[in-house]
C-alpha cells in the first residue's frame, strides 16, 4: 500500500477497525489479568505496530507513560530480534529501564502477527506489576538491581527457548558492551 493514496472512506473504516482491535486487546488483558493494578486501575497500554516498529493504533484508555514506554521499546525489540528472525509463536519481553520507561515495574510484551507466513504487524502491551521484588518504593533504590527483577530483552520462541541479548549490567554503557 505504500505510495498509493487511500480514499477517505476506506481510511476511516480501516482506522476504526484498528482502534477496535487495540481496544479488544486491552479488554482481554484487563479481563484476564491477575494484577489488581491492571484490572482496577487500568495501569497499562496496548498497541499495534507496523513491521518497522511504528505505532499505528493504541487502546483508548492506556496511560501515556505506558504508551510511550511501549513505543520506545519497539525499536529496541526489533534491533535485538529483527523482523526476518521472528516467527509465529514468538514472544518478546523486557522491563529494562533503559529500553522502555525507566521503571522496572513496567513490563512490555510484544508478539509478531503473521498472515500467510508474512510478518504483517506486531502487537504489544505494557503493564505495571506492583511487585517485582526489590525495595517497596523503587525511588529509594540506589542501584537498578535494588528495584527488583530486571528482564533484559528476551524472546520466548515456539520451542520455549529463551534467548537474551544482554547480560546483567548496571549502566547503559555496560549493557552495550555485551552486544
Protein backbone atom coordinates (compact mmCIF):
# COMPACT_ATOMS: atom_id res chain seq x y z
CA UNK A 1 0.00 0.00 0.00
CA UNK A 2 2.98 2.34 0.34
CA UNK A 3 2.96 5.14 -2.17
CA UNK A 4 -0.72 4.71 -3.03
CA UNK A 5 -3.41 7.08 -1.82
CA UNK A 6 -6.30 5.61 0.15
CA UNK A 7 -9.71 7.15 -0.27
CA UNK A 8 -11.05 8.80 2.93
CA UNK A 9 -13.90 6.31 3.42
CA UNK A 10 -11.60 3.28 3.26
CA UNK A 11 -9.11 5.01 5.54
CA UNK A 12 -11.81 5.69 8.14
CA UNK A 13 -13.09 2.11 8.02
CA UNK A 14 -9.58 0.66 8.41
CA UNK A 15 -8.69 3.17 11.14
CA UNK A 16 -11.81 2.35 13.15
CA UNK A 17 -11.12 -1.37 12.81
CA UNK A 18 -7.52 -0.95 14.03
CA UNK A 19 -8.74 1.02 17.06
CA UNK A 20 -11.35 -1.62 17.73
CA UNK A 21 -8.72 -4.38 17.64
CA UNK A 22 -6.45 -2.44 20.03
CA UNK A 23 -9.37 -1.89 22.41
CA UNK A 24 -10.33 -5.57 22.24
CA UNK A 25 -6.71 -6.41 23.04
CA UNK A 26 -6.91 -4.14 26.10
CA UNK A 27 -10.27 -5.57 27.21
CA UNK A 28 -8.92 -9.13 27.01
CA UNK A 29 -5.85 -8.13 29.01
CA UNK A 30 -7.93 -6.47 31.73
CA UNK A 31 -10.34 -9.43 31.88
CA UNK A 32 -7.56 -12.00 32.28
CA UNK A 33 -5.09 -10.03 34.43
CA UNK A 34 -4.03 -11.45 37.78
CA UNK A 35 -2.84 -7.99 38.81
CA UNK A 36 -5.37 -5.78 40.59
CA UNK A 37 -3.45 -2.73 39.40
CA UNK A 38 -4.16 -3.75 35.80
CA UNK A 39 -7.76 -4.89 36.39
CA UNK A 40 -8.91 -1.99 38.56
CA UNK A 41 -6.62 0.93 37.71
CA UNK A 42 -6.06 0.00 34.05
CA UNK A 43 -2.38 0.81 34.51
CA UNK A 44 -1.49 -0.48 31.05
CA UNK A 45 -1.29 0.27 27.35
CA UNK A 46 -1.94 -1.83 24.26
CA UNK A 47 -0.92 -1.10 20.71
CA UNK A 48 -0.46 -2.30 17.16
CA UNK A 49 2.78 -1.58 15.30
CA UNK A 50 3.86 -1.97 11.70
CA UNK A 51 6.81 -4.19 10.80
CA UNK A 52 9.22 -1.27 11.22
CA UNK A 53 8.08 -0.66 14.80
CA UNK A 54 5.91 2.40 14.16
CA UNK A 55 2.73 2.57 16.23
CA UNK A 56 -0.37 2.54 14.05
CA UNK A 57 -3.06 2.20 16.74
CA UNK A 58 -3.33 2.25 20.52
CA UNK A 59 -6.04 1.42 23.01
CA UNK A 60 -8.06 4.43 24.11
CA UNK A 61 -7.60 4.22 27.86
CA UNK A 62 -3.92 3.33 28.14
CA UNK A 63 -1.79 5.56 30.34
CA UNK A 64 0.56 7.95 28.49
CA UNK A 65 3.61 6.67 30.37
CA UNK A 66 2.90 3.12 29.28
CA UNK A 67 2.06 4.10 25.71
CA UNK A 68 5.40 5.90 25.43
CA UNK A 69 7.28 3.01 27.07
CA UNK A 70 5.67 0.55 24.67
CA UNK A 71 6.51 2.69 21.63
CA UNK A 72 10.09 3.26 22.83
CA UNK A 73 10.68 -0.44 23.42
CA UNK A 74 9.71 -1.41 19.89
CA UNK A 75 12.93 -0.08 18.29
CA UNK A 76 14.96 -2.00 20.88
CA UNK A 77 12.98 -5.22 20.35
CA UNK A 78 13.47 -5.01 16.58
CA UNK A 79 17.17 -4.19 16.94
CA UNK A 80 17.68 -7.27 19.13
CA UNK A 81 15.33 -9.50 17.11
CA UNK A 82 14.99 -8.23 13.51
CA UNK A 83 11.67 -8.90 11.75
CA UNK A 84 13.22 -11.52 9.44
CA UNK A 85 14.27 -13.53 12.53
CA UNK A 86 10.80 -13.56 14.10
CA UNK A 87 8.40 -16.46 13.67
CA UNK A 88 4.85 -17.39 14.58
CA UNK A 89 4.57 -18.03 18.31
CA UNK A 90 7.49 -15.79 19.30
CA UNK A 91 7.02 -13.58 22.34
CA UNK A 92 9.40 -10.73 23.17
CA UNK A 93 9.60 -9.38 26.72
CA UNK A 94 11.52 -6.77 28.72
CA UNK A 95 11.30 -4.37 31.60
CA UNK A 96 14.80 -2.99 31.01
CA UNK A 97 14.62 0.60 32.31
CA UNK A 98 16.96 1.87 29.57
CA UNK A 99 14.90 0.28 26.81
CA UNK A 100 11.42 1.24 27.98
CA UNK A 101 10.04 3.51 30.67
CA UNK A 102 12.82 3.75 33.20
CA UNK A 103 10.87 1.73 35.75
CA UNK A 104 11.38 -1.98 36.33
CA UNK A 105 7.75 -2.42 37.40
CA UNK A 106 6.56 -1.81 33.82
CA UNK A 107 6.78 -4.97 31.73
CA UNK A 108 6.42 -4.82 27.94
CA UNK A 109 5.47 -7.86 25.87
CA UNK A 110 5.40 -7.94 22.08
CA UNK A 111 4.16 -10.64 19.72
CA UNK A 112 4.52 -10.72 15.94
CA UNK A 113 1.45 -11.37 13.79
CA UNK A 114 1.80 -13.32 10.55
CA UNK A 115 -0.54 -13.78 7.59
CA UNK A 116 0.32 -16.44 5.04
CA UNK A 117 3.81 -16.73 6.54
CA UNK A 118 4.49 -12.99 6.18
CA UNK A 119 5.00 -10.68 9.18
CA UNK A 120 2.30 -8.02 8.91
CA UNK A 121 2.18 -6.40 12.36
CA UNK A 122 3.37 -6.50 15.95
CA UNK A 123 1.04 -6.42 18.94
CA UNK A 124 2.36 -5.06 22.22
CA UNK A 125 1.30 -4.20 25.73
CA UNK A 126 2.94 -2.61 28.72
CA UNK A 127 1.54 -3.31 32.19
CA UNK A 128 2.53 -2.19 35.63
CA UNK A 129 3.40 -5.00 38.02
CA UNK A 130 3.09 -3.93 41.63
CA UNK A 131 5.60 -6.44 43.00
CA UNK A 132 8.68 -7.38 41.04
CA UNK A 133 10.87 -7.86 44.10
CA UNK A 134 13.35 -5.38 45.43
CA UNK A 135 12.57 -2.34 47.55
CA UNK A 136 8.93 -1.50 48.03
CA UNK A 137 9.49 2.09 46.90
CA UNK A 138 11.76 1.93 43.86
CA UNK A 139 12.68 5.61 44.32
CA UNK A 140 14.67 4.54 47.39
CA UNK A 141 16.90 2.27 45.32
CA UNK A 142 20.50 3.36 44.80
CA UNK A 143 21.17 0.78 42.07
CA UNK A 144 18.78 -0.58 39.46
CA UNK A 145 19.15 -4.07 40.94
CA UNK A 146 17.62 -2.88 44.20
CA UNK A 147 14.39 -2.19 42.31
CA UNK A 148 13.73 -5.87 41.63
CA UNK A 149 13.81 -8.41 38.84
CA UNK A 150 15.23 -6.97 35.62
CA UNK A 151 14.27 -8.73 32.42
CA UNK A 152 16.70 -7.96 29.60
CA UNK A 153 15.21 -8.07 26.12
CA UNK A 154 14.42 -11.72 25.59
CA UNK A 155 12.47 -13.91 23.20
CA UNK A 156 10.43 -16.93 24.08
CA UNK A 157 10.22 -18.88 20.88
CA UNK A 158 7.75 -21.54 19.95
CA UNK A 159 10.26 -24.14 21.13
CA UNK A 160 10.30 -22.47 24.59
CA UNK A 161 13.94 -21.45 24.31
CA UNK A 162 14.77 -18.16 25.98
CA UNK A 163 17.26 -16.08 24.04
CA UNK A 164 18.64 -13.00 25.74
CA UNK A 165 20.64 -10.32 24.01
CA UNK A 166 22.14 -8.57 27.03
CA UNK A 167 23.81 -9.57 30.23
CA UNK A 168 23.24 -8.11 33.66
CA UNK A 169 24.67 -4.59 33.65
CA UNK A 170 24.37 -1.57 35.91
CA UNK A 171 24.53 1.16 33.27
CA UNK A 172 23.51 1.56 29.62
CA UNK A 173 27.20 1.77 28.66
CA UNK A 174 27.90 -1.55 30.38
CA UNK A 175 24.90 -3.11 28.65
CA UNK A 176 26.15 -2.01 25.24
CA UNK A 177 29.49 -3.75 25.76
CA UNK A 178 27.66 -7.13 25.82
CA UNK A 179 26.20 -6.75 22.32
